Protein backbone atom coordinates (compact mmCIF):
# COMPACT_ATOMS: atom_id res chain seq x y z
CA SER A 1 86.77 79.33 51.04
CA GLU A 2 90.03 81.11 50.18
CA ALA A 3 91.48 84.68 50.09
CA TRP A 4 94.79 86.03 48.79
CA THR A 5 96.57 89.09 47.36
CA GLU A 6 98.56 89.32 44.13
CA GLY A 7 100.31 92.62 43.67
CA LYS A 8 97.63 95.28 44.23
CA ILE A 9 94.69 93.00 43.77
CA ASP A 10 92.78 91.06 46.46
CA TYR A 11 90.95 87.91 45.64
CA ALA A 12 88.36 85.91 47.52
CA THR A 13 86.62 82.66 46.53
CA VAL A 14 83.27 81.31 47.72
CA ALA A 15 82.23 77.70 47.18
CA MET A 16 78.50 77.13 46.88
CA ARG A 17 76.68 73.86 46.86
CA TYR A 18 72.99 74.00 46.08
CA ALA A 19 69.95 71.97 45.07
CA ILE A 20 68.65 72.42 41.55
CA THR A 21 65.85 70.94 39.50
CA ASP A 22 66.29 71.43 35.69
CA VAL A 23 62.96 71.15 33.76
CA THR A 24 62.02 71.74 30.19
CA VAL A 25 58.27 72.76 29.91
CA ASP A 26 56.08 72.90 26.85
CA ARG A 27 54.80 76.52 26.75
CA LYS A 28 51.53 75.62 25.11
CA THR A 29 50.52 72.82 27.42
CA GLY A 30 52.53 73.53 30.51
CA ARG A 31 53.63 69.89 30.62
CA THR A 32 57.11 68.79 31.65
CA VAL A 33 58.90 67.61 28.49
CA GLU A 34 62.27 66.72 30.07
CA GLY A 35 63.90 66.72 33.46
CA GLY A 36 62.26 67.27 36.76
CA GLU A 37 64.58 65.18 38.85
CA PRO A 38 66.28 67.14 41.70
CA GLY A 39 70.08 67.36 41.58
CA GLU A 40 72.94 69.09 43.23
CA ALA A 41 75.57 71.50 41.80
CA THR A 42 78.69 73.10 43.23
CA GLU A 43 80.15 76.35 41.93
CA VAL A 44 83.23 78.36 42.94
CA TRP A 45 82.87 82.14 42.53
CA THR A 46 86.04 84.35 42.57
CA PHE A 47 85.78 88.08 43.40
CA ALA A 48 88.50 90.67 42.96
CA ARG A 49 89.16 94.20 44.07
CA ARG A 50 92.03 96.70 44.18
CA THR A 51 93.71 96.51 47.60
CA GLY A 52 92.25 99.15 49.96
CA SER A 53 89.15 99.92 47.84
CA GLY A 54 86.83 98.87 50.59
CA PRO A 55 83.80 96.63 50.57
CA SER A 56 82.18 98.27 47.53
CA GLY A 57 85.21 97.52 45.38
CA TRP A 58 84.54 93.78 44.95
CA GLU A 59 83.67 92.57 41.46
CA LEU A 60 82.89 89.07 40.23
CA SER A 61 86.00 87.81 38.39
CA ALA A 62 85.23 84.09 37.60
CA ILE A 63 82.67 81.35 37.99
CA GLN A 64 83.73 77.70 37.89
CA GLN A 65 81.74 74.53 38.00
CA ALA A 66 83.27 72.18 40.55
């Protein structure tokens, strides 16, 4: 969703929206104790690398709930 450079570091962010179902299950019975309703979540992941380090230089720098 965004890319920029600060000094000798390149940054890129990716915004992801996905469906999720959060469920708590009793291990003994296999029954759902809580949850089970589908929901949606959005996260923004930021990656960083030294400028010029190539595609293998990217590392995850931050994860934010949006």
